[in-house]
């Protein structure tokens, strides 16, 4: 049994790391398989040598985050524990990568190693594909980067689009103008946008065309210059639509394409444009593909367990079908 005493000069830093009623300490004890005693501005860590060493590193990394003015919440510690298992050096670098936006939140930060890779890819490439399960921040972080680019005058407009496959050619029969017709299909994009900008600013920008939210079909025939373009739910695009979208990219523009290839709503027999794009474009060095994993899910911790349960169920069904003559 190894024992380490860790002391912080600032008791407020120690208190924030410990959490309310030491909830963070209890979480760390459970996940790391050791004992932690919190006393004022000190922590006594008891356990095996490798667990004690990693836990000490975790506390030091969390202290760096708190010292930079970040508020530490329980779910931040959960994500930090995941980062610790993948790359102990990366925790503060991930959490302190601040994406400035317009809202009262002021900035958005990645929470996982995959999210950090995604944000860095958007900074470095003009076309980025992000493929992964629900809850990994694909759309949310793309929106944050788009708002940041607009705020810093790197682009003059934001264009948000999604395939509206359920509407098909029946959009014309729905009441209201184009925005009213497609709003239900684009609601997740609005949700992310309203989390990063004040409502009156969004409405004003939409009115003058600085922000445009439209179904994918409305991209045809356009050349999009000086814009940050997000294609969400790209697994529901056809190969023809995907080609059409990608060739809209103009000068000084950036495109982010997000989707989950396991969740296509296309009719049976129609290949997903996202799947086809991976196959066709994977050899182009100037296009970046980022793959998110279950570990990158940043929703309620139950979401990961739900994903695991569904994956297990689907895997067992596949095995059963293979065995069935």
C-alpha atoms as a PDB file:
ATOM      1  CA  UNK A   1       0.000   0.000   0.000  1.00  0.00           C
ATOM      2  CA  UNK A   2       1.425   3.354  -1.138  1.00  0.00           C
ATOM      3  CA  UNK A   3       0.517   6.698   0.407  1.00  0.00           C
ATOM      4  CA  UNK A   4       0.992  10.189  -1.042  1.00  0.00           C
ATOM      5  CA  UNK A   5       0.271  13.591   0.506  1.00  0.00           C
ATOM      6  CA  UNK A   6      -0.776  16.239  -1.990  1.00  0.00           C
ATOM      7  CA  UNK A   7      -1.045  19.846  -0.781  1.00  0.00           C
ATOM      8  CA  UNK A   8      -2.389  22.916  -2.589  1.00  0.00           C
ATOM      9  CA  UNK A   9      -1.516  26.465  -1.529  1.00  0.00           C
ATOM     10  CA  UNK A  10      -5.006  27.738  -2.373  1.00  0.00           C
ATOM     11  CA  UNK A  11      -7.713  26.056  -0.303  1.00  0.00           C
ATOM     12  CA  UNK A  12     -10.388  27.177  -2.815  1.00  0.00           C
ATOM     13  CA  UNK A  13      -8.670  25.127  -5.515  1.00  0.00           C
ATOM     14  CA  UNK A  14      -8.662  22.090  -3.241  1.00  0.00           C
ATOM     15  CA  UNK A  15     -12.328  22.617  -2.377  1.00  0.00           C
ATOM     16  CA  UNK A  16     -13.361  22.827  -6.007  1.00  0.00           C
ATOM     17  CA  UNK A  17     -11.430  19.666  -6.862  1.00  0.00           C
ATOM     18  CA  UNK A  18     -13.030  17.838  -3.926  1.00  0.00           C
ATOM     19  CA  UNK A  19     -16.518  18.955  -4.966  1.00  0.00           C
ATOM     20  CA  UNK A  20     -19.643  19.475  -2.882  1.00  0.00           C
ATOM     21  CA  UNK A  21     -19.653  17.084   0.052  1.00  0.00           C
ATOM     22  CA  UNK A  22     -16.498  15.546  -1.472  1.00  0.00           C
ATOM     23  CA  UNK A  23     -18.556  14.121  -4.364  1.00  0.00           C
ATOM     24  CA  UNK A  24     -15.604  14.364  -6.766  1.00  0.00           C
ATOM     25  CA  UNK A  25     -13.314  12.615  -4.304  1.00  0.00           C
ATOM     26  CA  UNK A  26     -15.812   9.768  -3.926  1.00  0.00           C
ATOM     27  CA  UNK A  27     -16.070   9.451  -7.682  1.00  0.00           C
ATOM     28  CA  UNK A  28     -12.288   9.365  -8.083  1.00  0.00           C
ATOM     29  CA  UNK A  29     -11.975   6.748  -5.339  1.00  0.00           C
ATOM     30  CA  UNK A  30     -14.489   4.504  -7.069  1.00  0.00           C
ATOM     31  CA  UNK A  31     -13.036   4.858 -10.561  1.00  0.00           C
ATOM     32  CA  UNK A  32      -9.376   4.614  -9.535  1.00  0.00           C
ATOM     33  CA  UNK A  33      -9.831   1.848  -6.939  1.00  0.00           C
ATOM     34  CA  UNK A  34      -8.095   3.563  -4.023  1.00  0.00           C
ATOM     35  CA  UNK A  35      -8.741   5.744  -0.969  1.00  0.00           C
ATOM     36  CA  UNK A  36      -8.565   9.538  -0.894  1.00  0.00           C
ATOM     37  CA  UNK A  37      -8.848  11.584   2.297  1.00  0.00           C
ATOM     38  CA  UNK A  38      -9.641  15.288   1.830  1.00  0.00           C
ATOM     39  CA  UNK A  39      -8.528  17.597   4.645  1.00  0.00           C
ATOM     40  CA  UNK A  40      -8.676  21.316   3.987  1.00  0.00           C
ATOM     41  CA  UNK A  41      -6.170  22.031   1.241  1.00  0.00           C
ATOM     42  CA  UNK A  42      -4.556  18.581   1.359  1.00  0.00           C
ATOM     43  CA  UNK A  43      -5.377  15.163  -0.045  1.00  0.00           C
ATOM     44  CA  UNK A  44      -3.998  11.863   1.217  1.00  0.00           C
ATOM     45  CA  UNK A  45      -3.995   9.240  -1.537  1.00  0.00           C
ATOM     46  CA  UNK A  46      -3.678   5.560  -0.572  1.00  0.00           C
ATOM     47  CA  UNK A  47      -3.479   2.640  -2.969  1.00  0.00           C
ATOM     48  CA  UNK A  48      -1.248   0.708  -5.344  1.00  0.00           C
ATOM     49  CA  UNK A  49       1.762   2.563  -6.707  1.00  0.00           C
ATOM     50  CA  UNK A  50       0.461   2.977 -10.278  1.00  0.00           C
ATOM     51  CA  UNK A  51      -3.035   4.067  -9.104  1.00  0.00           C
ATOM     52  CA  UNK A  52      -1.590   6.584  -6.631  1.00  0.00           C
ATOM     53  CA  UNK A  53       0.725   8.012  -9.290  1.00  0.00           C
ATOM     54  CA  UNK A  54      -2.117   8.431 -11.821  1.00  0.00           C
ATOM     55  CA  UNK A  55      -4.445   9.937  -9.228  1.00  0.00           C
ATOM     56  CA  UNK A  56      -1.797  12.448  -8.180  1.00  0.00           C
ATOM     57  CA  UNK A  57      -1.429  13.397 -11.842  1.00  0.00           C
ATOM     58  CA  UNK A  58      -5.207  13.770 -12.103  1.00  0.00           C
ATOM     59  CA  UNK A  59      -5.339  16.166  -9.143  1.00  0.00           C
ATOM     60  CA  UNK A  60      -2.465  18.225 -10.544  1.00  0.00           C
ATOM     61  CA  UNK A  61      -4.149  18.465 -13.955  1.00  0.00           C
ATOM     62  CA  UNK A  62      -7.475  19.479 -12.404  1.00  0.00           C
ATOM     63  CA  UNK A  63      -5.679  22.131 -10.361  1.00  0.00           C
ATOM     64  CA  UNK A  64      -4.244  23.637 -13.559  1.00  0.00           C
ATOM     65  CA  UNK A  65      -7.765  23.862 -14.983  1.00  0.00           C
ATOM     66  CA  UNK A  66      -9.193  25.489 -11.829  1.00  0.00           C
ATOM     67  CA  UNK A  67      -6.274  27.937 -11.593  1.00  0.00           C
ATOM     68  CA  UNK A  68      -7.183  29.228 -15.046  1.00  0.00           C
ATOM     69  CA  UNK A  69     -10.605  30.232 -13.796  1.00  0.00           C
ATOM     70  CA  UNK A  70     -12.639  27.244 -14.954  1.00  0.00           C
ATOM     71  CA  UNK A  71     -15.449  25.941 -12.772  1.00  0.00           C
ATOM     72  CA  UNK A  72     -15.107  22.211 -12.132  1.00  0.00           C
ATOM     73  CA  UNK A  73     -18.277  20.126 -12.113  1.00  0.00           C
ATOM     74  CA  UNK A  74     -18.884  16.443 -11.477  1.00  0.00           C
ATOM     75  CA  UNK A  75     -19.195  15.566 -15.144  1.00  0.00           C
ATOM     76  CA  UNK A  76     -15.915  17.391 -15.838  1.00  0.00           C
ATOM     77  CA  UNK A  77     -14.207  15.007 -13.418  1.00  0.00           C
ATOM     78  CA  UNK A  78     -15.873  12.044 -15.163  1.00  0.00           C
ATOM     79  CA  UNK A  79     -14.468  13.170 -18.522  1.00  0.00           C
ATOM     80  CA  UNK A  80     -11.084  13.873 -16.920  1.00  0.00           C
ATOM     81  CA  UNK A  81     -10.921  10.283 -15.660  1.00  0.00           C
ATOM     82  CA  UNK A  82     -11.509   9.061 -19.210  1.00  0.00           C
ATOM     83  CA  UNK A  83      -8.764  11.346 -20.493  1.00  0.00           C
ATOM     84  CA  UNK A  84      -6.450  10.071 -17.783  1.00  0.00           C
ATOM     85  CA  UNK A  85      -6.806   6.535 -19.084  1.00  0.00           C
ATOM     86  CA  UNK A  86      -6.015   7.626 -22.647  1.00  0.00           C
ATOM     87  CA  UNK A  87      -3.417  10.354 -22.196  1.00  0.00           C
ATOM     88  CA  UNK A  88      -2.599  11.732 -18.747  1.00  0.00           C
ATOM     89  CA  UNK A  89      -0.764  14.728 -20.226  1.00  0.00           C
ATOM     90  CA  UNK A  90      -3.790  16.007 -22.143  1.00  0.00           C
ATOM     91  CA  UNK A  91      -6.380  16.910 -19.484  1.00  0.00           C
ATOM     92  CA  UNK A  92      -5.621  20.596 -18.942  1.00  0.00           C
ATOM     93  CA  UNK A  93      -4.748  21.079 -22.617  1.00  0.00           C
ATOM     94  CA  UNK A  94      -8.197  19.778 -23.576  1.00  0.00           C
ATOM     95  CA  UNK A  95     -10.160  21.660 -20.909  1.00  0.00           C
ATOM     96  CA  UNK A  96      -8.348  24.946 -21.483  1.00  0.00           C
ATOM     97  CA  UNK A  97      -8.955  24.954 -25.241  1.00  0.00           C
ATOM     98  CA  UNK A  98     -11.564  27.704 -25.082  1.00  0.00           C
ATOM     99  CA  UNK A  99     -13.748  28.472 -28.095  1.00  0.00           C
ATOM    100  CA  UNK A 100     -15.126  31.981 -27.662  1.00  0.00           C
ATOM    101  CA  UNK A 101     -18.805  32.490 -28.515  1.00  0.00           C
ATOM    102  CA  UNK A 102     -21.317  35.319 -28.068  1.00  0.00           C
ATOM    103  CA  UNK A 103     -23.468  33.964 -25.244  1.00  0.00           C
ATOM    104  CA  UNK A 104     -23.145  34.487 -21.493  1.00  0.00           C
ATOM    105  CA  UNK A 105     -21.201  31.218 -21.381  1.00  0.00           C
ATOM    106  CA  UNK A 106     -18.448  33.168 -23.211  1.00  0.00           C
ATOM    107  CA  UNK A 107     -16.689  30.034 -24.379  1.00  0.00           C
ATOM    108  CA  UNK A 108     -17.185  26.351 -25.187  1.00  0.00           C
ATOM    109  CA  UNK A 109     -14.512  23.746 -24.439  1.00  0.00           C
ATOM    110  CA  UNK A 110     -13.910  20.194 -25.675  1.00  0.00           C
ATOM    111  CA  UNK A 111     -14.270  17.541 -23.000  1.00  0.00           C
ATOM    112  CA  UNK A 112     -12.650  14.450 -24.498  1.00  0.00           C
ATOM    113  CA  UNK A 113      -9.563  13.510 -26.479  1.00  0.00           C
ATOM    114  CA  UNK A 114     -11.709  12.915 -29.584  1.00  0.00           C
ATOM    115  CA  UNK A 115     -13.395  16.290 -29.233  1.00  0.00           C
ATOM    116  CA  UNK A 116     -10.026  18.010 -28.937  1.00  0.00           C
ATOM    117  CA  UNK A 117      -8.839  16.281 -32.121  1.00  0.00           C
ATOM    118  CA  UNK A 118     -12.048  17.394 -33.834  1.00  0.00           C
ATOM    119  CA  UNK A 119     -11.628  21.054 -32.863  1.00  0.00           C
ATOM    120  CA  UNK A 120      -7.974  21.025 -33.936  1.00  0.00           C
ATOM    121  CA  UNK A 121      -8.956  19.453 -37.273  1.00  0.00           C
ATOM    122  CA  UNK A 122     -11.498  22.203 -37.955  1.00  0.00           C
ATOM    123  CA  UNK A 123      -8.800  24.787 -37.305  1.00  0.00           C
ATOM    124  CA  UNK A 124      -6.379  23.122 -39.715  1.00  0.00           C
ATOM    125  CA  UNK A 125      -8.530  21.815 -42.583  1.00  0.00           C
ATOM    126  CA  UNK A 126     -11.085  23.394 -44.913  1.00  0.00           C
ATOM    127  CA  UNK A 127     -13.165  20.197 -45.101  1.00  0.00           C
ATOM    128  CA  UNK A 128     -13.659  18.030 -42.022  1.00  0.00           C
ATOM    129  CA  UNK A 129     -15.832  14.930 -41.681  1.00  0.00           C
ATOM    130  CA  UNK A 130     -16.846  13.915 -38.153  1.00  0.00           C
ATOM    131  CA  UNK A 131     -18.375  10.459 -37.852  1.00  0.00           C
ATOM    132  CA  UNK A 132     -19.589   9.069 -34.549  1.00  0.00           C
ATOM    133  CA  UNK A 133     -22.506   8.163 -32.280  1.00  0.00           C
ATOM    134  CA  UNK A 134     -25.056  10.507 -30.751  1.00  0.00           C
ATOM    135  CA  UNK A 135     -23.904  12.626 -27.848  1.00  0.00           C
ATOM    136  CA  UNK A 136     -20.297  13.097 -28.925  1.00  0.00           C
ATOM    137  CA  UNK A 137     -20.664  16.814 -29.655  1.00  0.00           C
ATOM    138  CA  UNK A 138     -20.350  16.570 -33.432  1.00  0.00           C
ATOM    139  CA  UNK A 139     -22.876  19.303 -34.193  1.00  0.00           C
ATOM    140  CA  UNK A 140     -22.386  21.337 -31.030  1.00  0.00           C
ATOM    141  CA  UNK A 141     -18.630  21.812 -31.428  1.00  0.00           C
ATOM    142  CA  UNK A 142     -18.958  22.508 -35.150  1.00  0.00           C
ATOM    143  CA  UNK A 143     -21.462  25.223 -34.280  1.00  0.00           C
ATOM    144  CA  UNK A 144     -19.108  26.649 -31.652  1.00  0.00           C
ATOM    145  CA  UNK A 145     -16.296  26.828 -34.189  1.00  0.00           C
ATOM    146  CA  UNK A 146     -18.621  28.466 -36.734  1.00  0.00           C
ATOM    147  CA  UNK A 147     -19.767  31.118 -34.238  1.00  0.00           C
ATOM    148  CA  UNK A 148     -16.144  31.687 -33.216  1.00  0.00           C
ATOM    149  CA  UNK A 149     -15.096  32.144 -36.846  1.00  0.00           C
ATOM    150  CA  UNK A 150     -17.872  34.698 -37.346  1.00  0.00           C
ATOM    151  CA  UNK A 151     -16.998  36.497 -34.100  1.00  0.00           C
ATOM    152  CA  UNK A 152     -13.348  36.775 -35.158  1.00  0.00           C
ATOM    153  CA  UNK A 153     -14.280  37.855 -38.717  1.00  0.00           C
ATOM    154  CA  UNK A 154     -12.699  34.790 -40.309  1.00  0.00           C
ATOM    155  CA  UNK A 155     -15.931  34.317 -42.281  1.00  0.00           C
ATOM    156  CA  UNK A 156     -18.786  36.667 -43.117  1.00  0.00           C
ATOM    157  CA  UNK A 157     -21.633  34.163 -42.722  1.00  0.00           C
ATOM    158  CA  UNK A 158     -22.680  30.816 -41.309  1.00  0.00           C
ATOM    159  CA  UNK A 159     -24.680  28.318 -43.353  1.00  0.00           C
ATOM    160  CA  UNK A 160     -26.343  25.417 -41.557  1.00  0.00           C
ATOM    161  CA  UNK A 161     -27.964  22.619 -43.488  1.00  0.00           C
ATOM    162  CA  UNK A 162     -29.470  19.165 -43.039  1.00  0.00           C
ATOM    163  CA  UNK A 163     -31.141  16.646 -45.336  1.00  0.00           C
ATOM    164  CA  UNK A 164     -34.908  16.870 -44.804  1.00  0.00           C
ATOM    165  CA  UNK A 165     -35.620  13.437 -46.168  1.00  0.00           C
ATOM    166  CA  UNK A 166     -38.905  12.963 -44.339  1.00  0.00           C
ATOM    167  CA  UNK A 167     -40.288  16.052 -46.062  1.00  0.00           C
ATOM    168  CA  UNK A 168     -39.148  14.990 -49.508  1.00  0.00           C
ATOM    169  CA  UNK A 169     -41.025  16.908 -52.193  1.00  0.00           C
ATOM    170  CA  UNK A 170     -43.989  17.490 -49.877  1.00  0.00           C
ATOM    171  CA  UNK A 171     -42.451  20.629 -48.365  1.00  0.00           C
ATOM    172  CA  UNK A 172     -44.573  22.783 -50.657  1.00  0.00           C
ATOM    173  CA  UNK A 173     -47.758  21.484 -49.090  1.00  0.00           C
ATOM    174  CA  UNK A 174     -46.751  22.461 -45.561  1.00  0.00           C
ATOM    175  CA  UNK A 175     -48.042  25.807 -44.191  1.00  0.00           C
ATOM    176  CA  UNK A 176     -45.867  28.900 -43.857  1.00  0.00           C
ATOM    177  CA  UNK A 177     -42.747  30.123 -45.621  1.00  0.00           C
ATOM    178  CA  UNK A 178     -39.648  28.019 -46.310  1.00  0.00           C
ATOM    179  CA  UNK A 179     -38.302  28.557 -42.806  1.00  0.00           C
ATOM    180  CA  UNK A 180     -41.591  27.393 -41.246  1.00  0.00           C
ATOM    181  CA  UNK A 181     -41.712  24.319 -43.477  1.00  0.00           C
ATOM    182  CA  UNK A 182     -38.254  22.999 -42.648  1.00  0.00           C
ATOM    183  CA  UNK A 183     -37.898  24.232 -39.070  1.00  0.00           C
ATOM    184  CA  UNK A 184     -38.811  20.865 -37.462  1.00  0.00           C
ATOM    185  CA  UNK A 185     -35.997  19.136 -39.368  1.00  0.00           C
ATOM    186  CA  UNK A 186     -33.446  21.817 -38.501  1.00  0.00           C
ATOM    187  CA  UNK A 187     -34.413  22.268 -34.843  1.00  0.00           C
ATOM    188  CA  UNK A 188     -31.207  20.671 -33.441  1.00  0.00           C
ATOM    189  CA  UNK A 189     -29.138  23.251 -35.329  1.00  0.00           C
ATOM    190  CA  UNK A 190     -31.208  26.080 -33.859  1.00  0.00           C
ATOM    191  CA  UNK A 191     -30.858  24.553 -30.374  1.00  0.00           C
ATOM    192  CA  UNK A 192     -27.059  24.630 -30.581  1.00  0.00           C
ATOM    193  CA  UNK A 193     -27.088  28.122 -32.065  1.00  0.00           C
ATOM    194  CA  UNK A 194     -29.290  29.533 -29.302  1.00  0.00           C
ATOM    195  CA  UNK A 195     -26.852  28.127 -26.738  1.00  0.00           C
ATOM    196  CA  UNK A 196     -24.050  30.282 -28.168  1.00  0.00           C
ATOM    197  CA  UNK A 197     -25.707  33.539 -29.226  1.00  0.00           C
ATOM    198  CA  UNK A 198     -28.390  35.816 -27.840  1.00  0.00           C
ATOM    199  CA  UNK A 199     -31.823  35.300 -29.470  1.00  0.00           C
ATOM    200  CA  UNK A 200     -32.116  38.880 -30.782  1.00  0.00           C
ATOM    201  CA  UNK A 201     -28.683  38.592 -32.398  1.00  0.00           C
ATOM    202  CA  UNK A 202     -29.632  35.304 -34.075  1.00  0.00           C
ATOM    203  CA  UNK A 203     -32.894  36.710 -35.434  1.00  0.00           C
ATOM    204  CA  UNK A 204     -31.120  39.811 -36.715  1.00  0.00           C
ATOM    205  CA  UNK A 205     -28.384  37.791 -38.395  1.00  0.00           C
ATOM    206  CA  UNK A 206     -30.922  35.466 -39.998  1.00  0.00           C
ATOM    207  CA  UNK A 207     -32.924  38.422 -41.323  1.00  0.00           C
ATOM    208  CA  UNK A 208     -29.894  39.928 -43.086  1.00  0.00           C
ATOM    209  CA  UNK A 209     -28.494  36.569 -44.259  1.00  0.00           C
ATOM    210  CA  UNK A 210     -25.412  36.407 -42.039  1.00  0.00           C
ATOM    211  CA  UNK A 211     -26.828  33.151 -40.664  1.00  0.00           C
ATOM    212  CA  UNK A 212     -28.731  30.856 -42.980  1.00  0.00           C
ATOM    213  CA  UNK A 213     -30.486  27.658 -41.959  1.00  0.00           C
ATOM    214  CA  UNK A 214     -31.809  25.629 -44.873  1.00  0.00           C
ATOM    215  CA  UNK A 215     -32.424  22.055 -46.059  1.00  0.00           C
ATOM    216  CA  UNK A 216     -29.696  20.462 -48.143  1.00  0.00           C
ATOM    217  CA  UNK A 217     -31.747  20.652 -51.345  1.00  0.00           C
ATOM    218  CA  UNK A 218     -31.523  24.459 -51.242  1.00  0.00           C
ATOM    219  CA  UNK A 219     -27.725  24.317 -51.642  1.00  0.00           C
ATOM    220  CA  UNK A 220     -27.937  23.233 -55.289  1.00  0.00           C
ATOM    221  CA  UNK A 221     -26.493  25.620 -57.860  1.00  0.00           C
ATOM    222  CA  UNK A 222     -24.767  27.882 -55.320  1.00  0.00           C
ATOM    223  CA  UNK A 223     -21.132  28.817 -54.699  1.00  0.00           C
ATOM    224  CA  UNK A 224     -20.495  29.524 -51.028  1.00  0.00           C
ATOM    225  CA  UNK A 225     -17.635  31.980 -50.505  1.00  0.00           C
ATOM    226  CA  UNK A 226     -16.350  33.357 -47.194  1.00  0.00           C
ATOM    227  CA  UNK A 227     -18.637  31.050 -45.222  1.00  0.00           C
ATOM    228  CA  UNK A 228     -18.556  28.432 -42.485  1.00  0.00           C
ATOM    229  CA  UNK A 229     -20.859  25.646 -43.656  1.00  0.00           C
ATOM    230  CA  UNK A 230     -22.136  22.775 -41.518  1.00  0.00           C
ATOM    231  CA  UNK A 231     -23.861  19.753 -43.026  1.00  0.00           C
ATOM    232  CA  UNK A 232     -25.497  17.884 -40.156  1.00  0.00           C
ATOM    233  CA  UNK A 233     -26.973  14.349 -40.207  1.00  0.00           C
ATOM    234  CA  UNK A 234     -25.017  13.700 -43.387  1.00  0.00           C
ATOM    235  CA  UNK A 235     -25.755   9.963 -43.223  1.00  0.00           C
ATOM    236  CA  UNK A 236     -29.215  10.874 -44.561  1.00  0.00           C
ATOM    237  CA  UNK A 237     -27.807  12.418 -47.738  1.00  0.00           C
ATOM    238  CA  UNK A 238     -27.543  10.495 -50.990  1.00  0.00           C
ATOM    239  CA  UNK A 239     -24.181  10.232 -52.823  1.00  0.00           C
ATOM    240  CA  UNK A 240     -25.484  12.748 -55.363  1.00  0.00           C
ATOM    241  CA  UNK A 241     -26.455  15.213 -52.643  1.00  0.00           C
ATOM    242  CA  UNK A 242     -23.106  14.820 -50.920  1.00  0.00           C
ATOM    243  CA  UNK A 243     -21.218  15.518 -54.153  1.00  0.00           C
ATOM    244  CA  UNK A 244     -23.445  18.521 -54.766  1.00  0.00           C
ATOM    245  CA  UNK A 245     -22.791  19.875 -51.278  1.00  0.00           C
ATOM    246  CA  UNK A 246     -19.012  19.413 -51.327  1.00  0.00           C
ATOM    247  CA  UNK A 247     -18.689  21.147 -54.689  1.00  0.00           C
ATOM    248  CA  UNK A 248     -20.474  24.235 -53.319  1.00  0.00           C
ATOM    249  CA  UNK A 249     -17.358  25.186 -51.339  1.00  0.00           C
ATOM    250  CA  UNK A 250     -15.987  28.544 -52.466  1.00  0.00           C
ATOM    251  CA  UNK A 251     -13.017  30.732 -51.601  1.00  0.00           C
ATOM    252  CA  UNK A 252     -12.185  31.395 -47.927  1.00  0.00           C
ATOM    253  CA  UNK A 253     -14.806  28.882 -46.803  1.00  0.00           C
ATOM    254  CA  UNK A 254     -14.771  25.943 -44.436  1.00  0.00           C
ATOM    255  CA  UNK A 255     -17.127  22.933 -44.402  1.00  0.00           C
ATOM    256  CA  UNK A 256     -17.815  20.520 -41.557  1.00  0.00           C
ATOM    257  CA  UNK A 257     -19.821  17.379 -42.289  1.00  0.00           C
ATOM    258  CA  UNK A 258     -21.212  15.404 -39.371  1.00  0.00           C
ATOM    259  CA  UNK A 259     -23.104  12.140 -39.137  1.00  0.00           C
ATOM    260  CA  UNK A 260     -23.548   8.672 -37.694  1.00  0.00           C
ATOM    261  CA  UNK A 261     -23.268   5.993 -40.382  1.00  0.00           C
ATOM    262  CA  UNK A 262     -25.146   3.520 -38.163  1.00  0.00           C
ATOM    263  CA  UNK A 263     -28.275   5.721 -38.024  1.00  0.00           C
ATOM    264  CA  UNK A 264     -29.305   6.282 -41.647  1.00  0.00           C
ATOM    265  CA  UNK A 265     -32.984   7.057 -42.288  1.00  0.00           C
ATOM    266  CA  UNK A 266     -32.670   6.586 -46.038  1.00  0.00           C
ATOM    267  CA  UNK A 267     -35.027   4.091 -47.680  1.00  0.00           C
ATOM    268  CA  UNK A 268     -33.724   0.540 -48.015  1.00  0.00           C
ATOM    269  CA  UNK A 269     -31.378   0.076 -50.941  1.00  0.00           C
ATOM    270  CA  UNK A 270     -30.167   3.696 -51.070  1.00  0.00           C
ATOM    271  CA  UNK A 271     -26.488   4.133 -50.173  1.00  0.00           C
ATOM    272  CA  UNK A 272     -25.643   6.891 -47.702  1.00  0.00           C
ATOM    273  CA  UNK A 273     -23.738   9.799 -49.168  1.00  0.00           C
ATOM    274  CA  UNK A 274     -21.619   9.909 -46.023  1.00  0.00           C
ATOM    275  CA  UNK A 275     -20.563   6.274 -46.362  1.00  0.00           C
ATOM    276  CA  UNK A 276     -19.749   6.791 -50.040  1.00  0.00           C
ATOM    277  CA  UNK A 277     -17.767   9.954 -49.311  1.00  0.00           C
ATOM    278  CA  UNK A 278     -15.533   8.092 -46.852  1.00  0.00           C
ATOM    279  CA  UNK A 279     -14.826   5.503 -49.532  1.00  0.00           C
ATOM    280  CA  UNK A 280     -14.147   8.028 -52.303  1.00  0.00           C
ATOM    281  CA  UNK A 281     -12.313  10.807 -50.444  1.00  0.00           C
ATOM    282  CA  UNK A 282     -10.225   8.947 -47.857  1.00  0.00           C
ATOM    283  CA  UNK A 283      -7.058   9.331 -49.946  1.00  0.00           C
ATOM    284  CA  UNK A 284      -7.183  13.145 -50.170  1.00  0.00           C
ATOM    285  CA  UNK A 285      -4.699  14.628 -47.708  1.00  0.00           C
ATOM    286  CA  UNK A 286      -6.423  18.016 -47.515  1.00  0.00           C
ATOM    287  CA  UNK A 287      -9.636  16.463 -46.171  1.00  0.00           C
ATOM    288  CA  UNK A 288      -9.706  15.308 -42.544  1.00  0.00           C
ATOM    289  CA  UNK A 289     -11.819  12.447 -41.205  1.00  0.00           C
ATOM    290  CA  UNK A 290     -12.353  12.422 -37.429  1.00  0.00           C
ATOM    291  CA  UNK A 291     -13.997   9.371 -35.865  1.00  0.00           C
ATOM    292  CA  UNK A 292     -15.682   9.764 -32.492  1.00  0.00           C
ATOM    293  CA  UNK A 293     -16.045   6.784 -30.171  1.00  0.00           C
ATOM    294  CA  UNK A 294     -18.361   5.852 -27.324  1.00  0.00           C
ATOM    295  CA  UNK A 295     -15.776   7.322 -24.918  1.00  0.00           C
ATOM    296  CA  UNK A 296     -16.440  10.727 -26.497  1.00  0.00           C
ATOM    297  CA  UNK A 297     -20.099  10.804 -25.443  1.00  0.00           C
ATOM    298  CA  UNK A 298     -20.599  13.860 -23.221  1.00  0.00           C
ATOM    299  CA  UNK A 299     -24.264  13.544 -22.381  1.00  0.00           C
ATOM    300  CA  UNK A 300     -25.676  11.990 -19.228  1.00  0.00           C
ATOM    301  CA  UNK A 301     -23.520   9.021 -18.158  1.00  0.00           C
ATOM    302  CA  UNK A 302     -26.493   6.729 -18.818  1.00  0.00           C
ATOM    303  CA  UNK A 303     -26.213   7.502 -22.545  1.00  0.00           C
ATOM    304  CA  UNK A 304     -22.967   5.512 -22.737  1.00  0.00           C
ATOM    305  CA  UNK A 305     -24.607   2.567 -21.007  1.00  0.00           C
ATOM    306  CA  UNK A 306     -27.555   2.795 -23.399  1.00  0.00           C
ATOM    307  CA  UNK A 307     -25.202   2.781 -26.386  1.00  0.00           C
ATOM    308  CA  UNK A 308     -23.345  -0.221 -24.989  1.00  0.00           C
ATOM    309  CA  UNK A 309     -26.611  -2.109 -24.451  1.00  0.00           C
ATOM    310  CA  UNK A 310     -27.829  -1.417 -27.987  1.00  0.00           C
ATOM    311  CA  UNK A 311     -24.465  -2.362 -29.508  1.00  0.00           C
ATOM    312  CA  UNK A 312     -24.469  -5.637 -27.572  1.00  0.00           C
ATOM    313  CA  UNK A 313     -28.049  -6.367 -28.620  1.00  0.00           C
ATOM    314  CA  UNK A 314     -27.344  -5.651 -32.302  1.00  0.00           C
ATOM    315  CA  UNK A 315     -24.130  -7.703 -32.185  1.00  0.00           C
ATOM    316  CA  UNK A 316     -25.975 -10.693 -30.726  1.00  0.00           C
ATOM    317  CA  UNK A 317     -28.702 -10.388 -33.363  1.00  0.00           C
ATOM    318  CA  UNK A 318     -26.089 -10.381 -36.138  1.00  0.00           C
ATOM    319  CA  UNK A 319     -24.474 -13.501 -34.692  1.00  0.00           C
ATOM    320  CA  UNK A 320     -27.867 -15.195 -34.461  1.00  0.00           C
ATOM    321  CA  UNK A 321     -28.675 -14.345 -38.079  1.00  0.00           C
ATOM    322  CA  UNK A 322     -25.343 -15.751 -39.247  1.00  0.00           C
ATOM    323  CA  UNK A 323     -26.005 -19.032 -37.451  1.00  0.00           C
ATOM    324  CA  UNK A 324     -29.557 -19.321 -38.777  1.00  0.00           C
ATOM    325  CA  UNK A 325     -29.589 -21.539 -41.935  1.00  0.00           C
END
